[in-house]
């Protein structure tokens, strides 16, 4: 179901984990307490805690997110552990999925997007996509392929801004996702500014397709995507 990252020279391996968010999962305090967004946000943090506990129970003795070591934010707002010897991580959720990516050394960005059928791909891409990305979309006549490619590009751009910590403050037109070459490139001179994993996934027990992207500032692989049931 999942394809490995096509890369000849591997320097890093990002561990990816996902969970299908159970209906009615417990909500956490947040901007909209008790809502689906709060429940999904909480599920993403529970996934991270469970993944770290699974990998290293000595340093992470509990799968409870409340037991995680101190978490701070960088100057750009990216969450990370205060202890610099602990792994880097990134979280995302959309629809019925929560995803987390973990790397021991480098800042990582992860994004997942449910592939929606009702979206103005032309309008959104004209506003937020680089001309090269818009050109790629215009070349696709099949609607299903167009939607899939649109969301793969969108998730790649989101993953890049999560990796850098800039978020929505970064100019989405100022860089482009080259999903064929598995890189993020500067929109002005074309130099590579991130390495990219981009895929479309569909777990067996949910009906929707999802675009999944991971960014790291070096060549990397995703050996597998591990499911954790919360």
Protein backbone atom coordinates (compact mmCIF):
# COMPACT_ATOMS: atom_id res chain seq x y z
CA UNK A 1 0.00 0.00 0.00
CA UNK A 2 2.89 2.39 0.77
CA UNK A 3 5.80 3.00 -1.61
CA UNK A 4 9.31 3.56 -0.21
CA UNK A 5 11.06 6.84 -0.92
CA UNK A 6 12.96 6.62 -4.25
CA UNK A 7 16.43 7.76 -3.30
CA UNK A 8 19.82 6.35 -4.30
CA UNK A 9 21.94 7.88 -1.54
CA UNK A 10 20.33 7.72 1.89
CA UNK A 11 21.61 9.95 4.68
CA UNK A 12 18.69 9.98 7.11
CA UNK A 13 15.64 7.87 7.81
CA UNK A 14 12.45 9.60 8.95
CA UNK A 15 10.12 7.41 10.96
CA UNK A 16 6.50 7.94 10.06
CA UNK A 17 3.53 6.90 12.16
CA UNK A 18 -0.19 7.33 11.60
CA UNK A 19 -3.44 6.55 13.34
CA UNK A 20 -7.06 6.49 12.30
CA UNK A 21 -8.75 8.87 14.71
CA UNK A 22 -11.58 7.04 16.50
CA UNK A 23 -14.98 8.70 16.49
CA UNK A 24 -15.64 10.43 19.77
CA UNK A 25 -12.01 10.31 20.88
CA UNK A 26 -11.37 12.46 23.95
CA UNK A 27 -11.10 16.18 23.38
CA UNK A 28 -8.28 18.30 24.75
CA UNK A 29 -8.25 21.92 25.93
CA UNK A 30 -7.60 24.07 22.91
CA UNK A 31 -8.89 26.91 20.75
CA UNK A 32 -12.20 25.13 20.19
CA UNK A 33 -12.67 22.76 23.16
CA UNK A 34 -14.79 19.69 22.52
CA UNK A 35 -14.83 20.07 18.74
CA UNK A 36 -13.51 17.68 16.12
CA UNK A 37 -10.48 19.95 15.63
CA UNK A 38 -9.59 19.71 19.33
CA UNK A 39 -10.06 15.93 19.31
CA UNK A 40 -7.88 15.53 16.23
CA UNK A 41 -5.22 17.82 17.69
CA UNK A 42 -5.16 15.72 20.84
CA UNK A 43 -4.97 12.50 18.77
CA UNK A 44 -1.86 13.82 16.98
CA UNK A 45 -0.09 14.43 20.30
CA UNK A 46 -1.18 11.03 21.62
CA UNK A 47 0.24 9.49 18.46
CA UNK A 48 3.60 11.21 19.02
CA UNK A 49 3.78 10.08 22.64
CA UNK A 50 2.84 6.52 21.70
CA UNK A 51 5.39 6.41 18.85
CA UNK A 52 8.22 7.68 21.05
CA UNK A 53 7.28 5.26 23.83
CA UNK A 54 7.27 2.42 21.31
CA UNK A 55 10.72 3.39 19.99
CA UNK A 56 12.47 4.23 23.26
CA UNK A 57 10.56 3.29 26.43
CA UNK A 58 13.54 4.21 28.63
CA UNK A 59 13.55 7.87 27.58
CA UNK A 60 9.78 7.98 27.01
CA UNK A 61 8.30 5.68 29.68
CA UNK A 62 4.66 6.60 29.06
CA UNK A 63 2.43 6.84 25.94
CA UNK A 64 0.54 9.67 27.65
CA UNK A 65 1.26 13.04 25.98
CA UNK A 66 1.09 14.70 29.41
CA UNK A 67 4.25 12.76 30.31
CA UNK A 68 6.29 14.05 27.36
CA UNK A 69 9.42 16.04 28.23
CA UNK A 70 9.18 19.83 28.17
CA UNK A 71 8.16 21.20 24.77
CA UNK A 72 9.05 24.72 23.67
CA UNK A 73 8.66 26.67 20.44
CA UNK A 74 11.40 28.04 18.23
CA UNK A 75 11.56 31.72 17.32
CA UNK A 76 9.41 30.88 14.30
CA UNK A 77 6.88 28.95 16.39
CA UNK A 78 7.84 25.36 15.56
CA UNK A 79 7.27 23.02 18.55
CA UNK A 80 10.27 20.99 19.71
CA UNK A 81 11.68 19.42 22.84
CA UNK A 82 13.61 21.76 25.13
CA UNK A 83 16.25 19.05 25.48
CA UNK A 84 18.20 19.28 22.21
CA UNK A 85 19.35 15.66 22.58
CA UNK A 86 15.79 14.44 22.06
CA UNK A 87 14.36 13.73 18.57
CA UNK A 88 12.87 16.30 16.22
CA UNK A 89 9.20 15.81 15.33
CA UNK A 90 6.29 17.14 13.31
CA UNK A 91 2.54 16.51 13.57
CA UNK A 92 -0.39 16.79 11.20
CA UNK A 93 -4.02 15.74 11.01
CA UNK A 94 -6.77 15.85 8.41
CA UNK A 95 -10.08 14.06 8.09
CA UNK A 96 -9.80 10.74 9.93
CA UNK A 97 -5.97 10.60 10.01
CA UNK A 98 -3.28 11.90 12.33
CA UNK A 99 0.37 11.59 11.31
CA UNK A 100 3.70 12.23 13.00
CA UNK A 101 7.25 12.21 11.68
CA UNK A 102 10.36 11.75 13.83
CA UNK A 103 14.04 12.30 13.06
CA UNK A 104 16.89 12.06 15.55
CA UNK A 105 18.89 15.04 14.26
CA UNK A 106 17.23 17.29 11.70
CA UNK A 107 14.07 19.40 11.83
CA UNK A 108 11.30 17.57 10.00
CA UNK A 109 8.03 18.77 8.51
CA UNK A 110 5.02 16.52 7.95
CA UNK A 111 1.64 17.26 6.43
CA UNK A 112 -1.39 15.16 5.52
CA UNK A 113 -4.38 16.36 3.50
CA UNK A 114 -7.60 14.54 2.76
CA UNK A 115 -8.17 14.67 -1.00
CA UNK A 116 -11.43 16.57 -1.35
CA UNK A 117 -13.64 16.49 -4.43
CA UNK A 118 -15.22 19.89 -3.87
CA UNK A 119 -12.43 22.40 -4.12
CA UNK A 120 -11.58 25.19 -6.53
CA UNK A 121 -8.17 23.85 -7.55
CA UNK A 122 -7.71 26.55 -10.18
CA UNK A 123 -8.55 29.41 -7.82
CA UNK A 124 -6.40 28.12 -4.95
CA UNK A 125 -3.44 27.30 -7.18
CA UNK A 126 -3.61 30.70 -8.88
CA UNK A 127 -3.36 32.37 -5.45
CA UNK A 128 -0.87 30.15 -3.65
CA UNK A 129 1.07 28.03 -6.18
CA UNK A 130 4.25 28.84 -8.08
CA UNK A 131 3.85 29.16 -11.89
CA UNK A 132 5.64 25.82 -12.37
CA UNK A 133 3.09 24.10 -10.14
CA UNK A 134 0.21 25.80 -11.93
CA UNK A 135 1.66 24.69 -15.27
CA UNK A 136 1.77 21.07 -14.07
CA UNK A 137 -1.88 21.19 -13.01
CA UNK A 138 -2.96 22.69 -16.33
CA UNK A 139 -1.31 19.78 -18.13
CA UNK A 140 -3.60 17.25 -16.42
CA UNK A 141 -6.91 16.56 -18.14
CA UNK A 142 -8.10 13.77 -15.85
CA UNK A 143 -9.98 15.28 -12.89
CA UNK A 144 -8.95 12.59 -10.43
CA UNK A 145 -5.27 12.98 -11.34
CA UNK A 146 -5.57 16.75 -11.12
CA UNK A 147 -7.07 16.62 -7.61
CA UNK A 148 -4.48 14.10 -6.42
CA UNK A 149 -1.60 16.18 -7.80
CA UNK A 150 -3.07 19.39 -6.37
CA UNK A 151 -3.22 17.94 -2.87
CA UNK A 152 0.23 16.37 -3.18
CA UNK A 153 1.64 19.80 -4.05
CA UNK A 154 -0.35 21.49 -1.29
CA UNK A 155 0.76 18.99 1.36
CA UNK A 156 4.38 19.29 0.18
CA UNK A 157 4.26 23.07 0.53
CA UNK A 158 2.72 22.76 4.00
CA UNK A 159 5.35 20.21 5.04
CA UNK A 160 8.12 22.57 3.92
CA UNK A 161 6.76 25.50 5.95
CA UNK A 162 6.37 23.20 8.97
CA UNK A 163 9.96 22.07 8.56
CA UNK A 164 11.23 25.66 8.46
CA UNK A 165 8.81 26.75 11.16
CA UNK A 166 7.52 29.66 9.06
CA UNK A 167 4.02 28.28 8.61
CA UNK A 168 1.57 30.45 6.73
CA UNK A 169 3.85 33.47 7.06
CA UNK A 170 6.06 32.05 4.29
CA UNK A 171 5.30 33.09 0.72
CA UNK A 172 3.75 30.00 -0.87
CA UNK A 173 4.50 31.44 -4.32
CA UNK A 174 8.18 31.80 -3.49
CA UNK A 175 9.03 28.10 -3.79
CA UNK A 176 7.72 25.10 -5.66
CA UNK A 177 7.27 21.41 -4.96
CA UNK A 178 8.82 19.19 -7.63
CA UNK A 179 7.08 15.94 -6.73
CA UNK A 180 8.73 14.08 -9.63
CA UNK A 181 12.24 14.93 -8.41
CA UNK A 182 11.26 14.71 -4.72
CA UNK A 183 12.58 18.18 -3.84
CA UNK A 184 11.38 21.64 -2.86
CA UNK A 185 13.06 24.34 -4.95
CA UNK A 186 13.50 28.09 -4.61
CA UNK A 187 11.09 29.88 -6.90
CA UNK A 188 13.65 32.39 -8.12
CA UNK A 189 16.79 30.41 -8.94
CA UNK A 190 15.56 26.79 -8.75
CA UNK A 191 18.09 25.68 -6.13
CA UNK A 192 17.03 22.82 -3.89
CA UNK A 193 15.98 24.05 -0.44
CA UNK A 194 14.39 20.86 0.93
CA UNK A 195 14.13 17.17 0.18
CA UNK A 196 10.67 15.71 -0.17
CA UNK A 197 8.71 12.52 0.29
CA UNK A 198 5.28 12.71 -1.36
CA UNK A 199 2.72 9.93 -1.55
CA UNK A 200 -0.98 9.13 -1.63
CA UNK A 201 -2.27 6.74 1.01
CA UNK A 202 -5.54 5.07 1.89
CA UNK A 203 -5.70 2.90 5.03
CA UNK A 204 -7.86 -0.15 4.55
CA UNK A 205 -10.64 0.85 6.95
CA UNK A 206 -11.42 4.39 5.74
CA UNK A 207 -12.82 5.40 2.34
CA UNK A 208 -10.81 8.54 1.60
CA UNK A 209 -7.51 9.12 -0.14
CA UNK A 210 -4.91 11.29 1.59
CA UNK A 211 -1.89 13.18 0.31
CA UNK A 212 1.09 12.78 2.63
CA UNK A 213 4.32 14.78 2.50
CA UNK A 214 7.53 14.90 4.53
CA UNK A 215 10.34 17.47 4.23
CA UNK A 216 13.89 17.34 5.57
CA UNK A 217 16.91 19.54 4.70
CA UNK A 218 18.91 16.50 3.51
CA UNK A 219 18.43 13.31 1.53
CA UNK A 220 16.34 10.85 3.49
CA UNK A 221 14.23 7.73 3.26
CA UNK A 222 10.91 6.63 4.69
CA UNK A 223 11.42 2.88 5.17
CA UNK A 224 7.83 2.29 6.28
CA UNK A 225 4.74 3.98 7.65
CA UNK A 226 3.70 2.38 10.91
CA UNK A 227 0.13 2.37 12.14
CA UNK A 228 -0.54 2.83 15.85
CA UNK A 229 -4.03 2.24 17.21
CA UNK A 230 -4.78 4.67 20.02
